[in-house]
């Protein structure tokens, strides 16, 4: 699984990059074979004006096809990343389990 991280109005330090990669790898670890790529964008929404609104958005490309997008907002960047990773885990597990069982979310 490949994790790409981009930052907007936030300096991406080595420790922040490592934290983001570890959070998403840990959250998606059991279904890693079904995940081709994860693109994470972390952003300080208020930018240089100050404030405490941090945003984490993750786009997950699934194999053989499909794409999921999860978002999380929080005052603390690490909590926003953690919340996005948790949502990604839930979403990926749901999609993969539906594919395995033959239910594709269509109305009967």
PDB file of N, CA and C in Angstrom:
ATOM      1  N   UNK A   1       0.858  -1.175   0.000  1.00  0.00           N
ATOM      2  CA  UNK A   1       0.000   0.000   0.000  1.00  0.00           C
ATOM      3  C   UNK A   1       0.900   1.232   0.000  1.00  0.00           C
ATOM      4  N   UNK A   2       0.601   2.144  -0.879  1.00  0.00           N
ATOM      5  CA  UNK A   2       1.373   3.373  -1.009  1.00  0.00           C
ATOM      6  C   UNK A   2       0.574   4.516  -0.386  1.00  0.00           C
ATOM      7  N   UNK A   3       1.226   5.302   0.469  1.00  0.00           N
ATOM      8  CA  UNK A   3       0.583   6.447   1.112  1.00  0.00           C
ATOM      9  C   UNK A   3       1.296   7.716   0.644  1.00  0.00           C
ATOM     10  N   UNK A   4       0.546   8.609  -0.006  1.00  0.00           N
ATOM     11  CA  UNK A   4       1.069   9.911  -0.431  1.00  0.00           C
ATOM     12  C   UNK A   4       0.477  10.965   0.497  1.00  0.00           C
ATOM     13  N   UNK A   5       1.313  11.860   0.990  1.00  0.00           N
ATOM     14  CA  UNK A   5       0.849  12.891   1.918  1.00  0.00           C
ATOM     15  C   UNK A   5       1.170  14.262   1.334  1.00  0.00           C
ATOM     16  N   UNK A   6       0.175  15.146   1.364  1.00  0.00           N
ATOM     17  CA  UNK A   6       0.340  16.523   0.902  1.00  0.00           C
ATOM     18  C   UNK A   6      -0.141  17.453   2.008  1.00  0.00           C
ATOM     19  N   UNK A   7       0.481  18.599   2.132  1.00  0.00           N
ATOM     20  CA  UNK A   7       0.092  19.560   3.158  1.00  0.00           C
ATOM     21  C   UNK A   7      -0.236  20.914   2.549  1.00  0.00           C
ATOM     22  N   UNK A   8      -1.254  21.545   3.083  1.00  0.00           N
ATOM     23  CA  UNK A   8      -1.624  22.899   2.667  1.00  0.00           C
ATOM     24  C   UNK A   8      -1.609  23.786   3.902  1.00  0.00           C
ATOM     25  N   UNK A   9      -0.789  24.803   3.877  1.00  0.00           N
ATOM     26  CA  UNK A   9      -0.628  25.728   4.993  1.00  0.00           C
ATOM     27  C   UNK A   9      -0.091  25.033   6.242  1.00  0.00           C
ATOM     28  N   UNK A  10       0.544  23.871   6.062  1.00  0.00           N
ATOM     29  CA  UNK A  10       1.127  23.120   7.171  1.00  0.00           C
ATOM     30  C   UNK A  10       2.489  22.607   6.723  1.00  0.00           C
ATOM     31  N   UNK A  11       3.521  22.841   7.503  1.00  0.00           N
ATOM     32  CA  UNK A  11       4.816  22.243   7.160  1.00  0.00           C
ATOM     33  C   UNK A  11       4.784  20.749   7.469  1.00  0.00           C
ATOM     34  N   UNK A  12       5.197  19.937   6.505  1.00  0.00           N
ATOM     35  CA  UNK A  12       5.211  18.485   6.682  1.00  0.00           C
ATOM     36  C   UNK A  12       6.571  18.056   7.228  1.00  0.00           C
ATOM     37  N   UNK A  13       6.616  17.811   8.513  1.00  0.00           N
ATOM     38  CA  UNK A  13       7.847  17.350   9.139  1.00  0.00           C
ATOM     39  C   UNK A  13       7.953  15.832   8.988  1.00  0.00           C
ATOM     40  N   UNK A  14       9.138  15.313   9.206  1.00  0.00           N
ATOM     41  CA  UNK A  14       9.338  13.867   9.120  1.00  0.00           C
ATOM     42  C   UNK A  14       8.474  13.128  10.128  1.00  0.00           C
ATOM     43  N   UNK A  15       8.355  13.653  11.324  1.00  0.00           N
ATOM     44  CA  UNK A  15       7.546  12.972  12.342  1.00  0.00           C
ATOM     45  C   UNK A  15       6.062  12.992  11.977  1.00  0.00           C
ATOM     46  N   UNK A  16       5.579  14.088  11.384  1.00  0.00           N
ATOM     47  CA  UNK A  16       4.185  14.156  10.957  1.00  0.00           C
ATOM     48  C   UNK A  16       3.930  13.166   9.818  1.00  0.00           C
ATOM     49  N   UNK A  17       4.835  13.106   8.854  1.00  0.00           N
ATOM     50  CA  UNK A  17       4.688  12.147   7.756  1.00  0.00           C
ATOM     51  C   UNK A  17       4.675  10.716   8.281  1.00  0.00           C
ATOM     52  N   UNK A  18       5.568  10.409   9.190  1.00  0.00           N
ATOM     53  CA  UNK A  18       5.647   9.068   9.768  1.00  0.00           C
ATOM     54  C   UNK A  18       4.362   8.730  10.529  1.00  0.00           C
ATOM     55  N   UNK A  19       3.848   9.703  11.285  1.00  0.00           N
ATOM     56  CA  UNK A  19       2.617   9.496  12.040  1.00  0.00           C
ATOM     57  C   UNK A  19       1.444   9.208  11.122  1.00  0.00           C
ATOM     58  N   UNK A  20       1.307   9.984  10.055  1.00  0.00           N
ATOM     59  CA  UNK A  20       0.199   9.790   9.112  1.00  0.00           C
ATOM     60  C   UNK A  20       0.303   8.422   8.444  1.00  0.00           C
ATOM     61  N   UNK A  21       1.491   8.067   7.979  1.00  0.00           N
ATOM     62  CA  UNK A  21       1.676   6.767   7.332  1.00  0.00           C
ATOM     63  C   UNK A  21       1.382   5.624   8.296  1.00  0.00           C
ATOM     64  N   UNK A  22       1.829   5.731   9.542  1.00  0.00           N
ATOM     65  CA  UNK A  22       1.589   4.678  10.525  1.00  0.00           C
ATOM     66  C   UNK A  22       0.111   4.552  10.873  1.00  0.00           C
ATOM     67  N   UNK A  23      -0.583   5.673  11.008  1.00  0.00           N
ATOM     68  CA  UNK A  23      -2.015   5.644  11.334  1.00  0.00           C
ATOM     69  C   UNK A  23      -2.810   4.936  10.235  1.00  0.00           C
ATOM     70  N   UNK A  24      -2.554   5.315   8.982  1.00  0.00           N
ATOM     71  CA  UNK A  24      -3.317   4.712   7.894  1.00  0.00           C
ATOM     72  C   UNK A  24      -2.894   3.266   7.637  1.00  0.00           C
ATOM     73  N   UNK A  25      -1.617   2.959   7.766  1.00  0.00           N
ATOM     74  CA  UNK A  25      -1.167   1.570   7.599  1.00  0.00           C
ATOM     75  C   UNK A  25      -1.758   0.692   8.695  1.00  0.00           C
ATOM     76  N   UNK A  26      -1.807   1.182   9.905  1.00  0.00           N
ATOM     77  CA  UNK A  26      -2.390   0.423  11.001  1.00  0.00           C
ATOM     78  C   UNK A  26      -3.891   0.239  10.851  1.00  0.00           C
ATOM     79  N   UNK A  27      -4.572   1.277  10.396  1.00  0.00           N
ATOM     80  CA  UNK A  27      -6.022   1.212  10.249  1.00  0.00           C
ATOM     81  C   UNK A  27      -6.438   0.286   9.109  1.00  0.00           C
ATOM     82  N   UNK A  28      -5.657   0.262   8.034  1.00  0.00           N
ATOM     83  CA  UNK A  28      -6.034  -0.523   6.852  1.00  0.00           C
ATOM     84  C   UNK A  28      -5.241  -1.809   6.708  1.00  0.00           C
ATOM     85  N   UNK A  29      -4.450  -2.145   7.712  1.00  0.00           N
ATOM     86  CA  UNK A  29      -3.532  -3.269   7.624  1.00  0.00           C
ATOM     87  C   UNK A  29      -4.154  -4.587   7.228  1.00  0.00           C
ATOM     88  N   UNK A  30      -5.288  -4.949   7.822  1.00  0.00           N
ATOM     89  CA  UNK A  30      -5.897  -6.238   7.510  1.00  0.00           C
ATOM     90  C   UNK A  30      -6.425  -6.309   6.087  1.00  0.00           C
ATOM     91  N   UNK A  31      -6.736  -5.179   5.502  1.00  0.00           N
ATOM     92  CA  UNK A  31      -7.270  -5.148   4.135  1.00  0.00           C
ATOM     93  C   UNK A  31      -6.268  -4.514   3.168  1.00  0.00           C
ATOM     94  N   UNK A  32      -5.003  -4.538   3.539  1.00  0.00           N
ATOM     95  CA  UNK A  32      -3.962  -3.880   2.733  1.00  0.00           C
ATOM     96  C   UNK A  32      -3.899  -4.417   1.309  1.00  0.00           C
ATOM     97  N   UNK A  33      -4.197  -5.680   1.108  1.00  0.00           N
ATOM     98  CA  UNK A  33      -4.155  -6.264  -0.235  1.00  0.00           C
ATOM     99  C   UNK A  33      -5.211  -5.646  -1.148  1.00  0.00           C
ATOM    100  N   UNK A  34      -6.270  -5.121  -0.572  1.00  0.00           N
ATOM    101  CA  UNK A  34      -7.351  -4.509  -1.358  1.00  0.00           C
ATOM    102  C   UNK A  34      -7.157  -3.015  -1.578  1.00  0.00           C
ATOM    103  N   UNK A  35      -6.152  -2.433  -0.941  1.00  0.00           N
ATOM    104  CA  UNK A  35      -5.905  -0.989  -1.047  1.00  0.00           C
ATOM    105  C   UNK A  35      -4.682  -0.764  -1.931  1.00  0.00           C
ATOM    106  N   UNK A  36      -4.888  -0.068  -3.055  1.00  0.00           N
ATOM    107  CA  UNK A  36      -3.767   0.219  -3.952  1.00  0.00           C
ATOM    108  C   UNK A  36      -2.992   1.440  -3.502  1.00  0.00           C
ATOM    109  N   UNK A  37      -3.720   2.486  -3.124  1.00  0.00           N
ATOM    110  CA  UNK A  37      -3.068   3.770  -2.856  1.00  0.00           C
ATOM    111  C   UNK A  37      -3.928   4.597  -1.910  1.00  0.00           C
ATOM    112  N   UNK A  38      -3.262   5.371  -1.072  1.00  0.00           N
ATOM    113  CA  UNK A  38      -3.951   6.302  -0.176  1.00  0.00           C
ATOM    114  C   UNK A  38      -3.315   7.672  -0.373  1.00  0.00           C
ATOM    115  N   UNK A  39      -4.131   8.658  -0.693  1.00  0.00           N
ATOM    116  CA  UNK A  39      -3.658  10.042  -0.825  1.00  0.00           C
ATOM    117  C   UNK A  39      -4.265  10.837   0.329  1.00  0.00           C
ATOM    118  N   UNK A  40      -3.398  11.392   1.162  1.00  0.00           N
ATOM    119  CA  UNK A  40      -3.837  12.133   2.339  1.00  0.00           C
ATOM    120  C   UNK A  40      -3.456  13.595   2.164  1.00  0.00           C
ATOM    121  N   UNK A  41      -4.428  14.473   2.385  1.00  0.00           N
ATOM    122  CA  UNK A  41      -4.174  15.912   2.351  1.00  0.00           C
ATOM    123  C   UNK A  41      -4.518  16.465   3.727  1.00  0.00           C
ATOM    124  N   UNK A  42      -3.529  17.065   4.381  1.00  0.00           N
ATOM    125  CA  UNK A  42      -3.757  17.721   5.666  1.00  0.00           C
ATOM    126  C   UNK A  42      -3.693  19.223   5.422  1.00  0.00           C
ATOM    127  N   UNK A  43      -4.593  19.941   6.088  1.00  0.00           N
ATOM    128  CA  UNK A  43      -4.719  21.366   5.784  1.00  0.00           C
ATOM    129  C   UNK A  43      -5.117  22.139   7.032  1.00  0.00           C
ATOM    130  N   UNK A  44      -4.516  23.304   7.181  1.00  0.00           N
ATOM    131  CA  UNK A  44      -4.961  24.274   8.177  1.00  0.00           C
ATOM    132  C   UNK A  44      -5.948  25.173   7.457  1.00  0.00           C
ATOM    133  N   UNK A  45      -7.230  24.965   7.711  1.00  0.00           N
ATOM    134  CA  UNK A  45      -8.282  25.641   6.950  1.00  0.00           C
ATOM    135  C   UNK A  45      -8.188  27.149   7.088  1.00  0.00           C
ATOM    136  N   UNK A  46      -7.867  27.631   8.276  1.00  0.00           N
ATOM    137  CA  UNK A  46      -7.790  29.073   8.495  1.00  0.00           C
ATOM    138  C   UNK A  46      -6.475  29.669   8.030  1.00  0.00           C
ATOM    139  N   UNK A  47      -5.514  28.835   7.728  1.00  0.00           N
ATOM    140  CA  UNK A  47      -4.242  29.298   7.185  1.00  0.00           C
ATOM    141  C   UNK A  47      -3.527  30.265   8.101  1.00  0.00           C
ATOM    142  N   UNK A  48      -2.912  31.273   7.533  1.00  0.00           N
ATOM    143  CA  UNK A  48      -2.126  32.208   8.334  1.00  0.00           C
ATOM    144  C   UNK A  48      -2.972  33.120   9.226  1.00  0.00           C
ATOM    145  N   UNK A  49      -4.289  33.097   9.085  1.00  0.00           N
ATOM    146  CA  UNK A  49      -5.134  33.947   9.926  1.00  0.00           C
ATOM    147  C   UNK A  49      -5.202  33.453  11.359  1.00  0.00           C
ATOM    148  N   UNK A  50      -4.769  32.207  11.579  1.00  0.00           N
ATOM    149  CA  UNK A  50      -4.846  31.638  12.920  1.00  0.00           C
ATOM    150  C   UNK A  50      -6.101  30.802  13.066  1.00  0.00           C
ATOM    151  N   UNK A  51      -6.404  30.444  14.257  1.00  0.00           N
ATOM    152  CA  UNK A  51      -7.565  29.593  14.492  1.00  0.00           C
ATOM    153  C   UNK A  51      -7.131  28.153  14.693  1.00  0.00           C
ATOM    154  N   UNK A  52      -8.094  27.301  14.922  1.00  0.00           N
ATOM    155  CA  UNK A  52      -7.755  25.938  15.306  1.00  0.00           C
ATOM    156  C   UNK A  52      -8.408  24.889  14.419  1.00  0.00           C
ATOM    157  N   UNK A  53      -8.751  25.200  13.205  1.00  0.00           N
ATOM    158  CA  UNK A  53      -9.465  24.248  12.370  1.00  0.00           C
ATOM    159  C   UNK A  53      -8.502  23.492  11.455  1.00  0.00           C
ATOM    160  N   UNK A  54      -8.269  22.220  11.782  1.00  0.00           N
ATOM    161  CA  UNK A  54      -7.420  21.358  10.968  1.00  0.00           C
ATOM    162  C   UNK A  54      -8.303  20.369  10.205  1.00  0.00           C
ATOM    163  N   UNK A  55      -7.921  20.059   8.998  1.00  0.00           N
ATOM    164  CA  UNK A  55      -8.711  19.191   8.135  1.00  0.00           C
ATOM    165  C   UNK A  55      -7.815  18.099   7.578  1.00  0.00           C
ATOM    166  N   UNK A  56      -8.317  16.863   7.580  1.00  0.00           N
ATOM    167  CA  UNK A  56      -7.598  15.738   6.986  1.00  0.00           C
ATOM    168  C   UNK A  56      -8.550  15.046   6.025  1.00  0.00           C
ATOM    169  N   UNK A  57      -8.124  14.895   4.785  1.00  0.00           N
ATOM    170  CA  UNK A  57      -8.937  14.249   3.761  1.00  0.00           C
ATOM    171  C   UNK A  57      -8.111  13.125   3.152  1.00  0.00           C
ATOM    172  N   UNK A  58      -8.703  11.950   3.058  1.00  0.00           N
ATOM    173  CA  UNK A  58      -7.994  10.798   2.499  1.00  0.00           C
ATOM    174  C   UNK A  58      -8.808  10.218   1.350  1.00  0.00           C
ATOM    175  N   UNK A  59      -8.144  10.007   0.219  1.00  0.00           N
ATOM    176  CA  UNK A  59      -8.738   9.333  -0.929  1.00  0.00           C
ATOM    177  C   UNK A  59      -8.073   7.966  -1.032  1.00  0.00           C
ATOM    178  N   UNK A  60      -8.889   6.919  -1.006  1.00  0.00           N
ATOM    179  CA  UNK A  60      -8.380   5.557  -0.997  1.00  0.00           C
ATOM    180  C   UNK A  60      -8.777   4.875  -2.294  1.00  0.00           C
ATOM    181  N   UNK A  61      -7.786   4.416  -3.057  1.00  0.00           N
ATOM    182  CA  UNK A  61      -8.029   3.683  -4.295  1.00  0.00           C
ATOM    183  C   UNK A  61      -8.027   2.195  -3.965  1.00  0.00           C
ATOM    184  N   UNK A  62      -9.124   1.522  -4.314  1.00  0.00           N
ATOM    185  CA  UNK A  62      -9.266   0.105  -4.011  1.00  0.00           C
ATOM    186  C   UNK A  62      -8.985  -0.745  -5.244  1.00  0.00           C
ATOM    187  N   UNK A  63      -8.563  -1.988  -4.993  1.00  0.00           N
ATOM    188  CA  UNK A  63      -8.343  -2.948  -6.070  1.00  0.00           C
ATOM    189  C   UNK A  63      -9.527  -3.903  -6.078  1.00  0.00           C
ATOM    190  N   UNK A  64     -10.047  -4.288  -7.175  1.00  0.00           N
ATOM    191  CA  UNK A  64      -9.613  -3.989  -8.530  1.00  0.00           C
ATOM    192  C   UNK A  64     -10.112  -2.637  -9.024  1.00  0.00           C
ATOM    193  N   UNK A  65     -11.139  -2.096  -8.367  1.00  0.00           N
ATOM    194  CA  UNK A  65     -11.620  -0.767  -8.771  1.00  0.00           C
ATOM    195  C   UNK A  65     -12.337  -0.138  -7.584  1.00  0.00           C
ATOM    196  N   UNK A  66     -12.557   1.140  -7.690  1.00  0.00           N
ATOM    197  CA  UNK A  66     -13.289   1.843  -6.651  1.00  0.00           C
ATOM    198  C   UNK A  66     -12.428   2.866  -5.945  1.00  0.00           C
ATOM    199  N   UNK A  67     -13.091   3.865  -5.411  1.00  0.00           N
ATOM    200  CA  UNK A  67     -12.408   4.938  -4.705  1.00  0.00           C
ATOM    201  C   UNK A  67     -13.311   5.414  -3.570  1.00  0.00           C
ATOM    202  N   UNK A  68     -12.710   5.617  -2.408  1.00  0.00           N
ATOM    203  CA  UNK A  68     -13.415   6.136  -1.247  1.00  0.00           C
ATOM    204  C   UNK A  68     -12.770   7.438  -0.821  1.00  0.00           C
ATOM    205  N   UNK A  69     -13.580   8.332  -0.264  1.00  0.00           N
ATOM    206  CA  UNK A  69     -13.063   9.595   0.265  1.00  0.00           C
ATOM    207  C   UNK A  69     -13.606   9.768   1.670  1.00  0.00           C
ATOM    208  N   UNK A  70     -12.710  10.058   2.616  1.00  0.00           N
ATOM    209  CA  UNK A  70     -13.114  10.318   3.998  1.00  0.00           C
ATOM    210  C   UNK A  70     -12.520  11.650   4.435  1.00  0.00           C
ATOM    211  N   UNK A  71     -13.264  12.354   5.284  1.00  0.00           N
ATOM    212  CA  UNK A  71     -12.836  13.657   5.803  1.00  0.00           C
ATOM    213  C   UNK A  71     -12.940  13.657   7.319  1.00  0.00           C
ATOM    214  N   UNK A  72     -12.107  14.485   7.947  1.00  0.00           N
ATOM    215  CA  UNK A  72     -12.208  14.703   9.388  1.00  0.00           C
ATOM    216  C   UNK A  72     -11.698  16.104   9.704  1.00  0.00           C
ATOM    217  N   UNK A  73     -12.388  16.771  10.616  1.00  0.00           N
ATOM    218  CA  UNK A  73     -12.006  18.106  11.092  1.00  0.00           C
ATOM    219  C   UNK A  73     -11.785  18.035  12.595  1.00  0.00           C
ATOM    220  N   UNK A  74     -10.812  18.781  13.084  1.00  0.00           N
ATOM    221  CA  UNK A  74     -10.575  18.852  14.527  1.00  0.00           C
ATOM    222  C   UNK A  74      -9.669  20.044  14.798  1.00  0.00           C
ATOM    223  N   UNK A  75      -9.598  20.444  16.032  1.00  0.00           N
ATOM    224  CA  UNK A  75      -8.703  21.525  16.429  1.00  0.00           C
ATOM    225  C   UNK A  75      -7.247  21.086  16.440  1.00  0.00           C
ATOM    226  N   UNK A  76      -7.014  19.793  16.649  1.00  0.00           N
ATOM    227  CA  UNK A  76      -5.665  19.232  16.699  1.00  0.00           C
ATOM    228  C   UNK A  76      -5.442  18.384  15.448  1.00  0.00           C
ATOM    229  N   UNK A  77      -4.318  18.590  14.780  1.00  0.00           N
ATOM    230  CA  UNK A  77      -4.033  17.881  13.535  1.00  0.00           C
ATOM    231  C   UNK A  77      -3.934  16.374  13.751  1.00  0.00           C
ATOM    232  N   UNK A  78      -3.297  15.958  14.829  1.00  0.00           N
ATOM    233  CA  UNK A  78      -3.135  14.526  15.082  1.00  0.00           C
ATOM    234  C   UNK A  78      -4.479  13.838  15.325  1.00  0.00           C
ATOM    235  N   UNK A  79      -5.395  14.513  16.017  1.00  0.00           N
ATOM    236  CA  UNK A  79      -6.731  13.938  16.224  1.00  0.00           C
ATOM    237  C   UNK A  79      -7.510  13.891  14.924  1.00  0.00           C
ATOM    238  N   UNK A  80      -7.332  14.886  14.053  1.00  0.00           N
ATOM    239  CA  UNK A  80      -8.001  14.863  12.756  1.00  0.00           C
ATOM    240  C   UNK A  80      -7.494  13.698  11.909  1.00  0.00           C
ATOM    241  N   UNK A  81      -6.186  13.457  11.930  1.00  0.00           N
ATOM    242  CA  UNK A  81      -5.603  12.328  11.186  1.00  0.00           C
ATOM    243  C   UNK A  81      -6.118  11.011  11.755  1.00  0.00           C
ATOM    244  N   UNK A  82      -6.173  10.905  13.067  1.00  0.00           N
ATOM    245  CA  UNK A  82      -6.650   9.686  13.710  1.00  0.00           C
ATOM    246  C   UNK A  82      -8.115   9.411  13.347  1.00  0.00           C
ATOM    247  N   UNK A  83      -8.937  10.450  13.360  1.00  0.00           N
ATOM    248  CA  UNK A  83     -10.353  10.287  13.017  1.00  0.00           C
ATOM    249  C   UNK A  83     -10.522   9.885  11.553  1.00  0.00           C
ATOM    250  N   UNK A  84      -9.734  10.484  10.665  1.00  0.00           N
ATOM    251  CA  UNK A  84      -9.821  10.124   9.248  1.00  0.00           C
ATOM    252  C   UNK A  84      -9.379   8.680   9.022  1.00  0.00           C
ATOM    253  N   UNK A  85      -8.340   8.250   9.714  1.00  0.00           N
ATOM    254  CA  UNK A  85      -7.874   6.859   9.580  1.00  0.00           C
ATOM    255  C   UNK A  85      -8.936   5.890  10.086  1.00  0.00           C
ATOM    256  N   UNK A  86      -9.605   6.235  11.164  1.00  0.00           N
ATOM    257  CA  UNK A  86     -10.655   5.371  11.701  1.00  0.00           C
ATOM    258  C   UNK A  86     -11.833   5.281  10.727  1.00  0.00           C
ATOM    259  N   UNK A  87     -12.209   6.402  10.141  1.00  0.00           N
ATOM    260  CA  UNK A  87     -13.289   6.400   9.152  1.00  0.00           C
ATOM    261  C   UNK A  87     -12.895   5.621   7.907  1.00  0.00           C
ATOM    262  N   UNK A  88     -11.634   5.748   7.505  1.00  0.00           N
ATOM    263  CA  UNK A  88     -11.142   4.996   6.347  1.00  0.00           C
ATOM    264  C   UNK A  88     -11.232   3.497   6.614  1.00  0.00           C
ATOM    265  N   UNK A  89     -10.824   3.091   7.816  1.00  0.00           N
ATOM    266  CA  UNK A  89     -10.895   1.673   8.183  1.00  0.00           C
ATOM    267  C   UNK A  89     -12.323   1.160   8.073  1.00  0.00           C
ATOM    268  N   UNK A  90     -13.260   1.887   8.673  1.00  0.00           N
ATOM    269  CA  UNK A  90     -14.664   1.472   8.653  1.00  0.00           C
ATOM    270  C   UNK A  90     -15.186   1.377   7.229  1.00  0.00           C
ATOM    271  N   UNK A  91     -14.906   2.371   6.413  1.00  0.00           N
ATOM    272  CA  UNK A  91     -15.402   2.399   5.039  1.00  0.00           C
ATOM    273  C   UNK A  91     -14.805   1.290   4.188  1.00  0.00           C
ATOM    274  N   UNK A  92     -13.489   1.100   4.284  1.00  0.00           N
ATOM    275  CA  UNK A  92     -12.828   0.062   3.485  1.00  0.00           C
ATOM    276  C   UNK A  92     -13.324  -1.315   3.902  1.00  0.00           C
ATOM    277  N   UNK A  93     -13.421  -1.568   5.197  1.00  0.00           N
ATOM    278  CA  UNK A  93     -13.897  -2.873   5.656  1.00  0.00           C
ATOM    279  C   UNK A  93     -15.315  -3.129   5.163  1.00  0.00           C
ATOM    280  N   UNK A  94     -16.169  -2.110   5.204  1.00  0.00           N
ATOM    281  CA  UNK A  94     -17.552  -2.263   4.755  1.00  0.00           C
ATOM    282  C   UNK A  94     -17.601  -2.617   3.275  1.00  0.00           C
ATOM    283  N   UNK A  95     -16.861  -1.897   2.452  1.00  0.00           N
ATOM    284  CA  UNK A  95     -16.871  -2.151   1.007  1.00  0.00           C
ATOM    285  C   UNK A  95     -16.309  -3.535   0.684  1.00  0.00           C
ATOM    286  N   UNK A  96     -15.191  -3.896   1.287  1.00  0.00           N
ATOM    287  CA  UNK A  96     -14.565  -5.189   1.020  1.00  0.00           C
ATOM    288  C   UNK A  96     -15.467  -6.329   1.479  1.00  0.00           C
ATOM    289  N   UNK A  97     -16.081  -6.189   2.648  1.00  0.00           N
ATOM    290  CA  UNK A  97     -16.969  -7.240   3.140  1.00  0.00           C
ATOM    291  C   UNK A  97     -18.215  -7.381   2.275  1.00  0.00           C
ATOM    292  N   UNK A  98     -18.728  -6.285   1.758  1.00  0.00           N
ATOM    293  CA  UNK A  98     -19.880  -6.358   0.847  1.00  0.00           C
ATOM    294  C   UNK A  98     -19.503  -7.063  -0.444  1.00  0.00           C
ATOM    295  N   UNK A  99     -18.337  -6.786  -0.962  1.00  0.00           N
ATOM    296  CA  UNK A  99     -17.895  -7.448  -2.187  1.00  0.00           C
ATOM    297  C   UNK A  99     -17.746  -8.947  -1.975  1.00  0.00           C
ATOM    298  N   UNK A 100     -17.212  -9.327  -0.829  1.00  0.00           N
ATOM    299  CA  UNK A 100     -17.032 -10.749  -0.530  1.00  0.00           C
ATOM    300  C   UNK A 100     -18.364 -11.485  -0.413  1.00  0.00           C
ATOM    301  N   UNK A 101     -19.351 -10.831   0.202  1.00  0.00           N
ATOM    302  CA  UNK A 101     -20.632 -11.498   0.435  1.00  0.00           C
ATOM    303  C   UNK A 101     -21.557 -11.417  -0.772  1.00  0.00           C
ATOM    304  N   UNK A 102     -21.179 -10.640  -1.777  1.00  0.00           N
ATOM    305  CA  UNK A 102     -22.028 -10.516  -2.956  1.00  0.00           C
ATOM    306  C   UNK A 102     -23.041  -9.394  -2.868  1.00  0.00           C
ATOM    307  N   UNK A 103     -23.095  -8.703  -1.721  1.00  0.00           N
ATOM    308  CA  UNK A 103     -23.991  -7.554  -1.596  1.00  0.00           C
ATOM    309  C   UNK A 103     -23.241  -6.309  -2.052  1.00  0.00           C
ATOM    310  N   UNK A 104     -23.780  -5.621  -3.018  1.00  0.00           N
ATOM    311  CA  UNK A 104     -23.097  -4.453  -3.564  1.00  0.00           C
ATOM    312  C   UNK A 104     -23.838  -3.159  -3.252  1.00  0.00           C
ATOM    313  N   UNK A 105     -24.699  -3.206  -2.265  1.00  0.00           N
ATOM    314  CA  UNK A 105     -25.364  -1.981  -1.827  1.00  0.00           C
ATOM    315  C   UNK A 105     -26.504  -1.542  -2.716  1.00  0.00           C
ATOM    316  N   UNK A 106     -27.004  -2.435  -3.564  1.00  0.00           N
ATOM    317  CA  UNK A 106     -28.129  -2.076  -4.440  1.00  0.00           C
ATOM    318  C   UNK A 106     -29.439  -2.344  -3.740  1.00  0.00           C
ATOM    319  N   UNK A 107     -30.423  -1.515  -4.024  1.00  0.00           N
ATOM    320  CA  UNK A 107     -31.744  -1.709  -3.453  1.00  0.00           C
ATOM    321  C   UNK A 107     -32.436  -2.881  -4.147  1.00  0.00           C
ATOM    322  N   UNK A 108     -33.205  -3.621  -3.386  1.00  0.00           N
ATOM    323  CA  UNK A 108     -33.888  -4.792  -3.944  1.00  0.00           C
ATOM    324  C   UNK A 108     -35.167  -4.407  -4.628  1.00  0.00           C
TER     325      UNK A 108
END
